[in-house]
Amino acid sequence: MKNKNFLTASEVAEYLEVSTPKAYKIIQSLNDELKGKGYITIAGRISRAYFEEKIYGKGA
C-alpha cells in the first residue's frame, strides 16, 4: 500500500482479504465511531492512522 493518509475500500479489502462490500461496512463502522468522537469523516475512506490503531491496537 502506498503511504497515504486515507485508505479506500478496495485497499481495506485487499489488506484484510475480505470482499469490497465487507470493506465498505468496516469503513462505515469505523467512520461512525469517529463521528461519535466529533471528527469529520469521508464516506468510503478511512484514516490510515485510525485504521491501523483499530487493527493493531494502541501503541502499534
PDB file of N, CA and C in Angstrom:
ATOM      1  N   MET A   1       0.839  -1.185   0.000  1.00  0.00           N
ATOM      2  CA  MET A   1       0.000   0.000   0.000  1.00  0.00           C
ATOM      3  C   MET A   1       0.882   1.246   0.000  1.00  0.00           C
ATOM      4  N   LYS A   2       0.459   2.238  -0.721  1.00  0.00           N
ATOM      5  CA  LYS A   2       1.174   3.497  -0.750  1.00  0.00           C
ATOM      6  C   LYS A   2       1.013   4.190   0.594  1.00  0.00           C
ATOM      7  N   ASN A   3       1.922   5.071   0.903  1.00  0.00           N
ATOM      8  CA  ASN A   3       1.861   5.804   2.157  1.00  0.00           C
ATOM      9  C   ASN A   3       0.959   7.024   1.986  1.00  0.00           C
ATOM     10  N   LYS A   4      -0.352   6.817   2.164  1.00  0.00           N
ATOM     11  CA  LYS A   4      -1.339   7.881   2.042  1.00  0.00           C
ATOM     12  C   LYS A   4      -2.031   8.049   3.384  1.00  0.00           C
ATOM     13  N   ASN A   5      -2.675   9.193   3.582  1.00  0.00           N
ATOM     14  CA  ASN A   5      -3.366   9.450   4.843  1.00  0.00           C
ATOM     15  C   ASN A   5      -4.691   8.708   4.953  1.00  0.00           C
ATOM     16  N   PHE A   6      -5.335   8.421   3.824  1.00  0.00           N
ATOM     17  CA  PHE A   6      -6.625   7.747   3.833  1.00  0.00           C
ATOM     18  C   PHE A   6      -6.579   6.494   2.976  1.00  0.00           C
ATOM     19  N   LEU A   7      -7.307   5.467   3.421  1.00  0.00           N
ATOM     20  CA  LEU A   7      -7.427   4.223   2.678  1.00  0.00           C
ATOM     21  C   LEU A   7      -8.806   4.145   2.038  1.00  0.00           C
ATOM     22  N   THR A   8      -8.869   3.566   0.848  1.00  0.00           N
ATOM     23  CA  THR A   8     -10.144   3.351   0.176  1.00  0.00           C
ATOM     24  C   THR A   8     -10.662   1.958   0.539  1.00  0.00           C
ATOM     25  N   ALA A   9     -11.898   1.690   0.168  1.00  0.00           N
ATOM     26  CA  ALA A   9     -12.498   0.389   0.446  1.00  0.00           C
ATOM     27  C   ALA A   9     -11.734  -0.728  -0.259  1.00  0.00           C
ATOM     28  N   SER A  10     -11.285  -0.488  -1.473  1.00  0.00           N
ATOM     29  CA  SER A  10     -10.545  -1.538  -2.179  1.00  0.00           C
ATOM     30  C   SER A  10      -9.217  -1.835  -1.489  1.00  0.00           C
ATOM     31  N   GLU A  11      -8.568  -0.830  -0.941  1.00  0.00           N
ATOM     32  CA  GLU A  11      -7.321  -1.046  -0.212  1.00  0.00           C
ATOM     33  C   GLU A  11      -7.565  -1.796   1.098  1.00  0.00           C
ATOM     34  N   VAL A  12      -8.645  -1.440   1.795  1.00  0.00           N
ATOM     35  CA  VAL A  12      -9.004  -2.141   3.030  1.00  0.00           C
ATOM     36  C   VAL A  12      -9.345  -3.598   2.712  1.00  0.00           C
ATOM     37  N   ALA A  13     -10.098  -3.815   1.637  1.00  0.00           N
ATOM     38  CA  ALA A  13     -10.472  -5.173   1.238  1.00  0.00           C
ATOM     39  C   ALA A  13      -9.230  -6.014   0.944  1.00  0.00           C
ATOM     40  N   GLU A  14      -8.304  -5.450   0.216  1.00  0.00           N
ATOM     41  CA  GLU A  14      -7.074  -6.166  -0.114  1.00  0.00           C
ATOM     42  C   GLU A  14      -6.256  -6.454   1.146  1.00  0.00           C
ATOM     43  N   TYR A  15      -6.141  -5.463   1.999  1.00  0.00           N
ATOM     44  CA  TYR A  15      -5.340  -5.594   3.214  1.00  0.00           C
ATOM     45  C   TYR A  15      -5.896  -6.655   4.153  1.00  0.00           C
ATOM     46  N   LEU A  16      -7.232  -6.662   4.331  1.00  0.00           N
ATOM     47  CA  LEU A  16      -7.873  -7.598   5.256  1.00  0.00           C
ATOM     48  C   LEU A  16      -8.293  -8.906   4.589  1.00  0.00           C
ATOM     49  N   GLU A  17      -8.113  -8.980   3.266  1.00  0.00           N
ATOM     50  CA  GLU A  17      -8.517 -10.149   2.492  1.00  0.00           C
ATOM     51  C   GLU A  17     -10.007 -10.451   2.672  1.00  0.00           C
ATOM     52  N   VAL A  18     -10.816  -9.401   2.474  1.00  0.00           N
ATOM     53  CA  VAL A  18     -12.272  -9.520   2.515  1.00  0.00           C
ATOM     54  C   VAL A  18     -12.829  -8.928   1.229  1.00  0.00           C
ATOM     55  N   SER A  19     -14.141  -9.089   1.022  1.00  0.00           N
ATOM     56  CA  SER A  19     -14.768  -8.525  -0.174  1.00  0.00           C
ATOM     57  C   SER A  19     -14.858  -7.003  -0.041  1.00  0.00           C
ATOM     58  N   THR A  20     -15.032  -6.347  -1.172  1.00  0.00           N
ATOM     59  CA  THR A  20     -15.170  -4.885  -1.159  1.00  0.00           C
ATOM     60  C   THR A  20     -16.411  -4.445  -0.392  1.00  0.00           C
ATOM     61  N   PRO A  21     -17.576  -5.105  -0.557  1.00  0.00           N
ATOM     62  CA  PRO A  21     -18.739  -4.700   0.251  1.00  0.00           C
ATOM     63  C   PRO A  21     -18.482  -4.824   1.762  1.00  0.00           C
ATOM     64  N   LYS A  22     -17.759  -5.862   2.170  1.00  0.00           N
ATOM     65  CA  LYS A  22     -17.413  -6.024   3.592  1.00  0.00           C
ATOM     66  C   LYS A  22     -16.496  -4.887   4.033  1.00  0.00           C
ATOM     67  N   ALA A  23     -15.558  -4.500   3.180  1.00  0.00           N
ATOM     68  CA  ALA A  23     -14.653  -3.391   3.496  1.00  0.00           C
ATOM     69  C   ALA A  23     -15.433  -2.096   3.678  1.00  0.00           C
ATOM     70  N   TYR A  24     -16.453  -1.863   2.833  1.00  0.00           N
ATOM     71  CA  TYR A  24     -17.283  -0.670   2.994  1.00  0.00           C
ATOM     72  C   TYR A  24     -17.989  -0.686   4.344  1.00  0.00           C
ATOM     73  N   LYS A  25     -18.472  -1.851   4.777  1.00  0.00           N
ATOM     74  CA  LYS A  25     -19.149  -1.952   6.073  1.00  0.00           C
ATOM     75  C   LYS A  25     -18.178  -1.674   7.218  1.00  0.00           C
ATOM     76  N   ILE A  26     -16.958  -2.168   7.094  1.00  0.00           N
ATOM     77  CA  ILE A  26     -15.938  -1.908   8.110  1.00  0.00           C
ATOM     78  C   ILE A  26     -15.626  -0.424   8.172  1.00  0.00           C
ATOM     79  N   ILE A  27     -15.448   0.190   7.011  1.00  0.00           N
ATOM     80  CA  ILE A  27     -15.163   1.630   6.957  1.00  0.00           C
ATOM     81  C   ILE A  27     -16.320   2.421   7.553  1.00  0.00           C
ATOM     82  N   GLN A  28     -17.547   2.042   7.224  1.00  0.00           N
ATOM     83  CA  GLN A  28     -18.716   2.741   7.761  1.00  0.00           C
ATOM     84  C   GLN A  28     -18.742   2.644   9.288  1.00  0.00           C
ATOM     85  N   SER A  29     -18.449   1.489   9.815  1.00  0.00           N
ATOM     86  CA  SER A  29     -18.427   1.292  11.259  1.00  0.00           C
ATOM     87  C   SER A  29     -17.346   2.154  11.910  1.00  0.00           C
ATOM     88  N   LEU A  30     -16.157   2.160  11.329  1.00  0.00           N
ATOM     89  CA  LEU A  30     -15.073   2.972  11.882  1.00  0.00           C
ATOM     90  C   LEU A  30     -15.381   4.462  11.763  1.00  0.00           C
ATOM     91  N   ASN A  31     -15.965   4.864  10.635  1.00  0.00           N
ATOM     92  CA  ASN A  31     -16.333   6.273  10.468  1.00  0.00           C
ATOM     93  C   ASN A  31     -17.419   6.681  11.459  1.00  0.00           C
ATOM     94  N   ASP A  32     -18.358   5.773  11.768  1.00  0.00           N
ATOM     95  CA  ASP A  32     -19.382   6.071  12.777  1.00  0.00           C
ATOM     96  C   ASP A  32     -18.741   6.316  14.139  1.00  0.00           C
ATOM     97  N   GLU A  33     -17.723   5.518  14.476  1.00  0.00           N
ATOM     98  CA  GLU A  33     -17.001   5.722  15.729  1.00  0.00           C
ATOM     99  C   GLU A  33     -16.341   7.099  15.744  1.00  0.00           C
ATOM    100  N   LEU A  34     -15.705   7.452  14.627  1.00  0.00           N
ATOM    101  CA  LEU A  34     -15.039   8.748  14.545  1.00  0.00           C
ATOM    102  C   LEU A  34     -16.035   9.900  14.636  1.00  0.00           C
ATOM    103  N   LYS A  35     -17.191   9.762  13.974  1.00  0.00           N
ATOM    104  CA  LYS A  35     -18.223  10.803  14.055  1.00  0.00           C
ATOM    105  C   LYS A  35     -18.685  10.986  15.487  1.00  0.00           C
ATOM    106  N   GLY A  36     -18.827   9.878  16.214  1.00  0.00           N
ATOM    107  CA  GLY A  36     -19.220   9.940  17.612  1.00  0.00           C
ATOM    108  C   GLY A  36     -18.217  10.681  18.474  1.00  0.00           C
ATOM    109  N   LYS A  37     -16.962  10.696  18.039  1.00  0.00           N
ATOM    110  CA  LYS A  37     -15.901  11.408  18.752  1.00  0.00           C
ATOM    111  C   LYS A  37     -15.772  12.853  18.274  1.00  0.00           C
ATOM    112  N   GLY A  38     -16.616  13.227  17.295  1.00  0.00           N
ATOM    113  CA  GLY A  38     -16.612  14.606  16.805  1.00  0.00           C
ATOM    114  C   GLY A  38     -15.710  14.874  15.614  1.00  0.00           C
ATOM    115  N   TYR A  39     -15.200  13.834  14.975  1.00  0.00           N
ATOM    116  CA  TYR A  39     -14.337  14.018  13.816  1.00  0.00           C
ATOM    117  C   TYR A  39     -15.156  14.094  12.532  1.00  0.00           C
ATOM    118  N   ILE A  40     -14.600  14.759  11.540  1.00  0.00           N
ATOM    119  CA  ILE A  40     -15.190  14.806  10.202  1.00  0.00           C
ATOM    120  C   ILE A  40     -14.713  13.561   9.463  1.00  0.00           C
ATOM    121  N   THR A  41     -15.620  12.899   8.751  1.00  0.00           N
ATOM    122  CA  THR A  41     -15.258  11.682   8.021  1.00  0.00           C
ATOM    123  C   THR A  41     -15.599  11.827   6.544  1.00  0.00           C
ATOM    124  N   ILE A  42     -15.036  10.949   5.746  1.00  0.00           N
ATOM    125  CA  ILE A  42     -15.291  10.912   4.311  1.00  0.00           C
ATOM    126  C   ILE A  42     -15.854   9.530   3.992  1.00  0.00           C
ATOM    127  N   ALA A  43     -17.028   9.489   3.397  1.00  0.00           N
ATOM    128  CA  ALA A  43     -17.658   8.209   3.062  1.00  0.00           C
ATOM    129  C   ALA A  43     -16.758   7.408   2.132  1.00  0.00           C
ATOM    130  N   GLY A  44     -16.589   6.128   2.442  1.00  0.00           N
ATOM    131  CA  GLY A  44     -15.790   5.256   1.590  1.00  0.00           C
ATOM    132  C   GLY A  44     -14.298   5.355   1.800  1.00  0.00           C
ATOM    133  N   ARG A  45     -13.885   6.144   2.775  1.00  0.00           N
ATOM    134  CA  ARG A  45     -12.460   6.295   3.088  1.00  0.00           C
ATOM    135  C   ARG A  45     -12.300   6.296   4.604  1.00  0.00           C
ATOM    136  N   ILE A  46     -11.135   5.810   5.046  1.00  0.00           N
ATOM    137  CA  ILE A  46     -10.856   5.793   6.473  1.00  0.00           C
ATOM    138  C   ILE A  46      -9.421   6.277   6.702  1.00  0.00           C
ATOM    139  N   SER A  47      -9.249   7.001   7.777  1.00  0.00           N
ATOM    140  CA  SER A  47      -7.919   7.464   8.147  1.00  0.00           C
ATOM    141  C   SER A  47      -6.997   6.265   8.335  1.00  0.00           C
ATOM    142  N   ARG A  48      -5.851   6.297   7.689  1.00  0.00           N
ATOM    143  CA  ARG A  48      -4.884   5.209   7.821  1.00  0.00           C
ATOM    144  C   ARG A  48      -4.476   5.040   9.288  1.00  0.00           C
ATOM    145  N   ALA A  49      -4.227   6.139   9.978  1.00  0.00           N
ATOM    146  CA  ALA A  49      -3.793   6.063  11.374  1.00  0.00           C
ATOM    147  C   ALA A  49      -4.861   5.403  12.245  1.00  0.00           C
ATOM    148  N   TYR A  50      -6.126   5.783  12.059  1.00  0.00           N
ATOM    149  CA  TYR A  50      -7.209   5.201  12.862  1.00  0.00           C
ATOM    150  C   TYR A  50      -7.409   3.734  12.497  1.00  0.00           C
ATOM    151  N   PHE A  51      -7.348   3.412  11.234  1.00  0.00           N
ATOM    152  CA  PHE A  51      -7.494   2.029  10.787  1.00  0.00           C
ATOM    153  C   PHE A  51      -6.421   1.154  11.425  1.00  0.00           C
ATOM    154  N   GLU A  52      -5.176   1.601  11.360  1.00  0.00           N
ATOM    155  CA  GLU A  52      -4.080   0.824  11.927  1.00  0.00           C
ATOM    156  C   GLU A  52      -4.210   0.709  13.442  1.00  0.00           C
ATOM    157  N   GLU A  53      -4.689   1.762  14.096  1.00  0.00           N
ATOM    158  CA  GLU A  53      -4.904   1.710  15.541  1.00  0.00           C
ATOM    159  C   GLU A  53      -5.961   0.657  15.889  1.00  0.00           C
ATOM    160  N   LYS A  54      -7.033   0.600  15.121  1.00  0.00           N
ATOM    161  CA  LYS A  54      -8.107  -0.352  15.399  1.00  0.00           C
ATOM    162  C   LYS A  54      -7.706  -1.781  15.026  1.00  0.00           C
ATOM    163  N   ILE A  55      -6.859  -1.947  14.035  1.00  0.00           N
ATOM    164  CA  ILE A  55      -6.436  -3.287  13.625  1.00  0.00           C
ATOM    165  C   ILE A  55      -5.341  -3.817  14.551  1.00  0.00           C
ATOM    166  N   TYR A  56      -4.346  -2.985  14.834  1.00  0.00           N
ATOM    167  CA  TYR A  56      -3.182  -3.436  15.595  1.00  0.00           C
ATOM    168  C   TYR A  56      -3.249  -3.092  17.076  1.00  0.00           C
ATOM    169  N   GLY A  57      -4.132  -2.177  17.456  1.00  0.00           N
ATOM    170  CA  GLY A  57      -4.213  -1.749  18.841  1.00  0.00           C
ATOM    171  C   GLY A  57      -3.360  -0.513  19.098  1.00  0.00           C
ATOM    172  N   LYS A  58      -3.533   0.069  20.248  1.00  0.00           N
ATOM    173  CA  LYS A  58      -2.790   1.295  20.589  1.00  0.00           C
ATOM    174  C   LYS A  58      -1.308   0.992  20.742  1.00  0.00           C
ATOM    175  N   GLY A  59      -0.513   1.987  20.386  1.00  0.00           N
ATOM    176  CA  GLY A  59       0.924   1.867  20.527  1.00  0.00           C
ATOM    177  C   GLY A  59       1.599   1.042  19.449  1.00  0.00           C
ATOM    178  N   ALA A  60       0.866   0.718  18.403  1.00  0.00           N
ATOM    179  CA  ALA A  60       1.473  -0.096  17.332  1.00  0.00           C
ATOM    180  C   ALA A  60       2.303   0.763  16.410  1.00  0.00           C
TER     181      ALA A  60
END
